[in-house]
């Protein structure tokens, strides 16, 4: 069982960059991606995913 659950949609690119700088995990559709993996994506790909609403915060289950 995963220790994360899908949170709200990441609203903008600045928020996503902040999350990546702090090593947060992010939901992309059905998978949890660590910040190090998202760091390999191009700026344009990150921007496209944020605009399409496909990235969500990964929240720790309580």
PDB file of N, CA and C in Angstrom:
ATOM      1  N   UNK A   1       0.836  -1.176   0.000  1.00  0.00           N
ATOM      2  CA  UNK A   1       0.000   0.000   0.000  1.00  0.00           C
ATOM      3  C   UNK A   1       0.884   1.244   0.000  1.00  0.00           C
ATOM      4  N   UNK A   2       0.526   2.182  -0.796  1.00  0.00           N
ATOM      5  CA  UNK A   2       1.307   3.406  -0.929  1.00  0.00           C
ATOM      6  C   UNK A   2       1.138   4.290   0.299  1.00  0.00           C
ATOM      7  N   UNK A   3       2.195   4.998   0.645  1.00  0.00           N
ATOM      8  CA  UNK A   3       2.076   5.916   1.775  1.00  0.00           C
ATOM      9  C   UNK A   3       1.637   7.309   1.325  1.00  0.00           C
ATOM     10  N   UNK A   4       1.395   7.473   0.030  1.00  0.00           N
ATOM     11  CA  UNK A   4       0.946   8.756  -0.503  1.00  0.00           C
ATOM     12  C   UNK A   4      -0.454   8.647  -1.084  1.00  0.00           C
ATOM     13  N   UNK A   5      -1.147   9.763  -1.107  1.00  0.00           N
ATOM     14  CA  UNK A   5      -2.430   9.860  -1.793  1.00  0.00           C
ATOM     15  C   UNK A   5      -2.387  11.083  -2.700  1.00  0.00           C
ATOM     16  N   UNK A   6      -3.262  11.089  -3.690  1.00  0.00           N
ATOM     17  CA  UNK A   6      -3.308  12.197  -4.639  1.00  0.00           C
ATOM     18  C   UNK A   6      -3.913  13.418  -3.954  1.00  0.00           C
ATOM     19  N   UNK A   7      -3.220  14.524  -4.068  1.00  0.00           N
ATOM     20  CA  UNK A   7      -3.707  15.778  -3.507  1.00  0.00           C
ATOM     21  C   UNK A   7      -4.272  16.675  -4.596  1.00  0.00           C
ATOM     22  N   UNK A   8      -4.361  17.973  -4.313  1.00  0.00           N
ATOM     23  CA  UNK A   8      -4.894  18.915  -5.297  1.00  0.00           C
ATOM     24  C   UNK A   8      -3.977  19.056  -6.515  1.00  0.00           C
ATOM     25  N   UNK A   9      -4.544  19.563  -7.582  1.00  0.00           N
ATOM     26  CA  UNK A   9      -3.769  19.828  -8.802  1.00  0.00           C
ATOM     27  C   UNK A   9      -2.733  20.910  -8.522  1.00  0.00           C
ATOM     28  N   UNK A  10      -1.540  20.735  -9.063  1.00  0.00           N
ATOM     29  CA  UNK A  10      -0.508  21.769  -8.951  1.00  0.00           C
ATOM     30  C   UNK A  10      -0.927  22.917  -9.868  1.00  0.00           C
ATOM     31  N   UNK A  11      -1.139  24.120  -9.310  1.00  0.00           N
ATOM     32  CA  UNK A  11      -1.784  25.194 -10.066  1.00  0.00           C
ATOM     33  C   UNK A  11      -0.918  25.894 -11.107  1.00  0.00           C
ATOM     34  N   UNK A  12       0.394  25.944 -10.877  1.00  0.00           N
ATOM     35  CA  UNK A  12       1.232  26.690 -11.814  1.00  0.00           C
ATOM     36  C   UNK A  12       2.666  26.168 -11.787  1.00  0.00           C
ATOM     37  N   UNK A  13       3.430  26.612 -12.759  1.00  0.00           N
ATOM     38  CA  UNK A  13       4.805  26.133 -12.917  1.00  0.00           C
ATOM     39  C   UNK A  13       5.693  26.553 -11.747  1.00  0.00           C
ATOM     40  N   UNK A  14       5.470  27.737 -11.203  1.00  0.00           N
ATOM     41  CA  UNK A  14       6.278  28.211 -10.076  1.00  0.00           C
ATOM     42  C   UNK A  14       6.109  27.301  -8.857  1.00  0.00           C
ATOM     43  N   UNK A  15       4.883  26.875  -8.615  1.00  0.00           N
ATOM     44  CA  UNK A  15       4.624  25.962  -7.500  1.00  0.00           C
ATOM     45  C   UNK A  15       5.306  24.619  -7.739  1.00  0.00           C
ATOM     46  N   UNK A  16       5.253  24.127  -8.961  1.00  0.00           N
ATOM     47  CA  UNK A  16       5.919  22.869  -9.289  1.00  0.00           C
ATOM     48  C   UNK A  16       7.424  22.981  -9.075  1.00  0.00           C
ATOM     49  N   UNK A  17       8.024  24.060  -9.532  1.00  0.00           N
ATOM     50  CA  UNK A  17       9.471  24.258  -9.357  1.00  0.00           C
ATOM     51  C   UNK A  17       9.822  24.291  -7.873  1.00  0.00           C
ATOM     52  N   UNK A  18       9.004  24.963  -7.069  1.00  0.00           N
ATOM     53  CA  UNK A  18       9.222  25.005  -5.624  1.00  0.00           C
ATOM     54  C   UNK A  18       9.205  23.587  -5.046  1.00  0.00           C
ATOM     55  N   UNK A  19       8.227  22.780  -5.460  1.00  0.00           N
ATOM     56  CA  UNK A  19       8.143  21.387  -4.996  1.00  0.00           C
ATOM     57  C   UNK A  19       9.384  20.594  -5.390  1.00  0.00           C
ATOM     58  N   UNK A  20       9.833  20.774  -6.614  1.00  0.00           N
ATOM     59  CA  UNK A  20      11.011  20.045  -7.089  1.00  0.00           C
ATOM     60  C   UNK A  20      12.258  20.448  -6.314  1.00  0.00           C
ATOM     61  N   UNK A  21      12.383  21.733  -5.996  1.00  0.00           N
ATOM     62  CA  UNK A  21      13.545  22.206  -5.245  1.00  0.00           C
ATOM     63  C   UNK A  21      13.587  21.620  -3.838  1.00  0.00           C
ATOM     64  N   UNK A  22      12.434  21.282  -3.296  1.00  0.00           N
ATOM     65  CA  UNK A  22      12.360  20.750  -1.942  1.00  0.00           C
ATOM     66  C   UNK A  22      12.236  19.230  -1.904  1.00  0.00           C
ATOM     67  N   UNK A  23      12.353  18.590  -3.064  1.00  0.00           N
ATOM     68  CA  UNK A  23      12.373  17.130  -3.119  1.00  0.00           C
ATOM     69  C   UNK A  23      11.037  16.451  -2.890  1.00  0.00           C
ATOM     70  N   UNK A  24       9.949  17.181  -3.121  1.00  0.00           N
ATOM     71  CA  UNK A  24       8.616  16.602  -2.926  1.00  0.00           C
ATOM     72  C   UNK A  24       8.288  15.605  -4.034  1.00  0.00           C
ATOM     73  N   UNK A  25       7.386  14.689  -3.709  1.00  0.00           N
ATOM     74  CA  UNK A  25       6.875  13.749  -4.704  1.00  0.00           C
ATOM     75  C   UNK A  25       5.645  14.351  -5.367  1.00  0.00           C
ATOM     76  N   UNK A  26       5.403  13.956  -6.603  1.00  0.00           N
ATOM     77  CA  UNK A  26       4.294  14.498  -7.384  1.00  0.00           C
ATOM     78  C   UNK A  26       3.563  13.338  -8.050  1.00  0.00           C
ATOM     79  N   UNK A  27       2.249  13.410  -8.088  1.00  0.00           N
ATOM     80  CA  UNK A  27       1.447  12.440  -8.841  1.00  0.00           C
ATOM     81  C   UNK A  27       1.369  12.886 -10.288  1.00  0.00           C
ATOM     82  N   UNK A  28       1.676  11.980 -11.209  1.00  0.00           N
ATOM     83  CA  UNK A  28       1.453  12.216 -12.635  1.00  0.00           C
ATOM     84  C   UNK A  28       0.481  11.150 -13.098  1.00  0.00           C
ATOM     85  N   UNK A  29      -0.755  11.551 -13.311  1.00  0.00           N
ATOM     86  CA  UNK A  29      -1.847  10.645 -13.664  1.00  0.00           C
ATOM     87  C   UNK A  29      -1.987   9.570 -12.593  1.00  0.00           C
ATOM     88  N   UNK A  30      -1.463   8.368 -12.777  1.00  0.00           N
ATOM     89  CA  UNK A  30      -1.637   7.309 -11.775  1.00  0.00           C
ATOM     90  C   UNK A  30      -0.346   6.925 -11.060  1.00  0.00           C
ATOM     91  N   UNK A  31       0.751   7.571 -11.355  1.00  0.00           N
ATOM     92  CA  UNK A  31       2.037   7.193 -10.767  1.00  0.00           C
ATOM     93  C   UNK A  31       2.600   8.308  -9.893  1.00  0.00           C
ATOM     94  N   UNK A  32       3.292   7.909  -8.836  1.00  0.00           N
ATOM     95  CA  UNK A  32       4.007   8.870  -8.004  1.00  0.00           C
ATOM     96  C   UNK A  32       5.416   8.996  -8.558  1.00  0.00           C
ATOM     97  N   UNK A  33       5.829  10.223  -8.796  1.00  0.00           N
ATOM     98  CA  UNK A  33       7.165  10.471  -9.319  1.00  0.00           C
ATOM     99  C   UNK A  33       7.971  11.280  -8.310  1.00  0.00           C
ATOM    100  N   UNK A  34       9.181  10.836  -7.985  1.00  0.00           N
ATOM    101  CA  UNK A  34      10.029  11.633  -7.109  1.00  0.00           C
ATOM    102  C   UNK A  34      10.568  12.851  -7.853  1.00  0.00           C
ATOM    103  N   UNK A  35      10.946  13.855  -7.104  1.00  0.00           N
ATOM    104  CA  UNK A  35      11.445  15.095  -7.696  1.00  0.00           C
ATOM    105  C   UNK A  35      12.639  14.844  -8.614  1.00  0.00           C
ATOM    106  N   UNK A  36      13.496  13.883  -8.266  1.00  0.00           N
ATOM    107  CA  UNK A  36      14.681  13.630  -9.093  1.00  0.00           C
ATOM    108  C   UNK A  36      14.296  13.154 -10.493  1.00  0.00           C
ATOM    109  N   UNK A  37      13.196  12.424 -10.617  1.00  0.00           N
ATOM    110  CA  UNK A  37      12.764  11.980 -11.946  1.00  0.00           C
ATOM    111  C   UNK A  37      12.159  13.140 -12.738  1.00  0.00           C
ATOM    112  N   UNK A  38      11.350  13.960 -12.087  1.00  0.00           N
ATOM    113  CA  UNK A  38      10.766  15.117 -12.769  1.00  0.00           C
ATOM    114  C   UNK A  38      11.847  16.112 -13.181  1.00  0.00           C
ATOM    115  N   UNK A  39      12.946  16.126 -12.444  1.00  0.00           N
ATOM    116  CA  UNK A  39      14.047  17.027 -12.775  1.00  0.00           C
ATOM    117  C   UNK A  39      14.692  16.713 -14.112  1.00  0.00           C
ATOM    118  N   UNK A  40      14.435  15.523 -14.655  1.00  0.00           N
ATOM    119  CA  UNK A  40      15.005  15.168 -15.959  1.00  0.00           C
ATOM    120  C   UNK A  40      14.116  15.623 -17.113  1.00  0.00           C
ATOM    121  N   UNK A  41      12.894  16.068 -16.819  1.00  0.00           N
ATOM    122  CA  UNK A  41      11.979  16.527 -17.867  1.00  0.00           C
ATOM    123  C   UNK A  41      12.377  17.915 -18.344  1.00  0.00           C
ATOM    124  N   UNK A  42      12.086  18.216 -19.579  1.00  0.00           N
ATOM    125  CA  UNK A  42      12.377  19.549 -20.109  1.00  0.00           C
ATOM    126  C   UNK A  42      11.380  20.556 -19.551  1.00  0.00           C
ATOM    127  N   UNK A  43      11.756  21.814 -19.593  1.00  0.00           N
ATOM    128  CA  UNK A  43      10.892  22.901 -19.131  1.00  0.00           C
ATOM    129  C   UNK A  43       9.558  22.881 -19.873  1.00  0.00           C
ATOM    130  N   UNK A  44       9.611  22.677 -21.184  1.00  0.00           N
ATOM    131  CA  UNK A  44       8.379  22.668 -21.979  1.00  0.00           C
ATOM    132  C   UNK A  44       7.463  21.515 -21.585  1.00  0.00           C
ATOM    133  N   UNK A  45       8.039  20.352 -21.288  1.00  0.00           N
ATOM    134  CA  UNK A  45       7.223  19.207 -20.877  1.00  0.00           C
ATOM    135  C   UNK A  45       6.574  19.483 -19.521  1.00  0.00           C
ATOM    136  N   UNK A  46       7.331  20.064 -18.594  1.00  0.00           N
ATOM    137  CA  UNK A  46       6.770  20.411 -17.291  1.00  0.00           C
ATOM    138  C   UNK A  46       5.628  21.408 -17.443  1.00  0.00           C
ATOM    139  N   UNK A  47       5.845  22.426 -18.255  1.00  0.00           N
ATOM    140  CA  UNK A  47       4.821  23.455 -18.473  1.00  0.00           C
ATOM    141  C   UNK A  47       3.561  22.845 -19.076  1.00  0.00           C
ATOM    142  N   UNK A  48       3.732  21.955 -20.043  1.00  0.00           N
ATOM    143  CA  UNK A  48       2.589  21.293 -20.691  1.00  0.00           C
ATOM    144  C   UNK A  48       1.788  20.463 -19.684  1.00  0.00           C
ATOM    145  N   UNK A  49       2.477  19.718 -18.831  1.00  0.00           N
ATOM    146  CA  UNK A  49       1.795  18.869 -17.850  1.00  0.00           C
ATOM    147  C   UNK A  49       1.037  19.710 -16.821  1.00  0.00           C
ATOM    148  N   UNK A  50       1.619  20.842 -16.402  1.00  0.00           N
ATOM    149  CA  UNK A  50       0.935  21.724 -15.453  1.00  0.00           C
ATOM    150  C   UNK A  50      -0.301  22.333 -16.103  1.00  0.00           C
ATOM    151  N   UNK A  51      -0.161  22.826 -17.311  1.00  0.00           N
ATOM    152  CA  UNK A  51      -1.296  23.450 -18.008  1.00  0.00           C
ATOM    153  C   UNK A  51      -2.436  22.475 -18.245  1.00  0.00           C
ATOM    154  N   UNK A  52      -2.118  21.214 -18.493  1.00  0.00           N
ATOM    155  CA  UNK A  52      -3.160  20.222 -18.768  1.00  0.00           C
ATOM    156  C   UNK A  52      -3.763  19.639 -17.482  1.00  0.00           C
ATOM    157  N   UNK A  53      -3.234  20.041 -16.323  1.00  0.00           N
ATOM    158  CA  UNK A  53      -3.781  19.570 -15.048  1.00  0.00           C
ATOM    159  C   UNK A  53      -3.452  18.131 -14.723  1.00  0.00           C
ATOM    160  N   UNK A  54      -2.347  17.619 -15.242  1.00  0.00           N
ATOM    161  CA  UNK A  54      -1.993  16.214 -15.034  1.00  0.00           C
ATOM    162  C   UNK A  54      -1.072  15.983 -13.840  1.00  0.00           C
ATOM    163  N   UNK A  55      -0.623  17.054 -13.195  1.00  0.00           N
ATOM    164  CA  UNK A  55       0.265  16.901 -12.048  1.00  0.00           C
ATOM    165  C   UNK A  55      -0.468  17.308 -10.774  1.00  0.00           C
ATOM    166  N   UNK A  56      -0.366  16.447  -9.769  1.00  0.00           N
ATOM    167  CA  UNK A  56      -1.020  16.684  -8.482  1.00  0.00           C
ATOM    168  C   UNK A  56       0.025  16.608  -7.377  1.00  0.00           C
ATOM    169  N   UNK A  57      -0.250  17.288  -6.269  1.00  0.00           N
ATOM    170  CA  UNK A  57       0.576  17.119  -5.089  1.00  0.00           C
ATOM    171  C   UNK A  57       0.410  15.689  -4.585  1.00  0.00           C
ATOM    172  N   UNK A  58       1.481  15.107  -4.083  1.00  0.00           N
ATOM    173  CA  UNK A  58       1.406  13.799  -3.428  1.00  0.00           C
ATOM    174  C   UNK A  58       1.433  14.060  -1.927  1.00  0.00           C
ATOM    175  N   UNK A  59       0.336  13.736  -1.265  1.00  0.00           N
ATOM    176  CA  UNK A  59       0.220  13.980   0.165  1.00  0.00           C
ATOM    177  C   UNK A  59       0.421  12.674   0.922  1.00  0.00           C
ATOM    178  N   UNK A  60       1.053  12.767   2.077  1.00  0.00           N
ATOM    179  CA  UNK A  60       1.272  11.585   2.908  1.00  0.00           C
ATOM    180  C   UNK A  60      -0.058  11.175   3.525  1.00  0.00           C
ATOM    181  N   UNK A  61      -0.364   9.885   3.438  1.00  0.00           N
ATOM    182  CA  UNK A  61      -1.600   9.373   4.047  1.00  0.00           C
ATOM    183  C   UNK A  61      -1.474   9.420   5.559  1.00  0.00           C
ATOM    184  N   UNK A  62      -2.566   9.756   6.203  1.00  0.00           N
ATOM    185  CA  UNK A  62      -2.532   9.797   7.675  1.00  0.00           C
ATOM    186  C   UNK A  62      -3.278   8.630   8.282  1.00  0.00           C
TER     187      UNK A  62
END
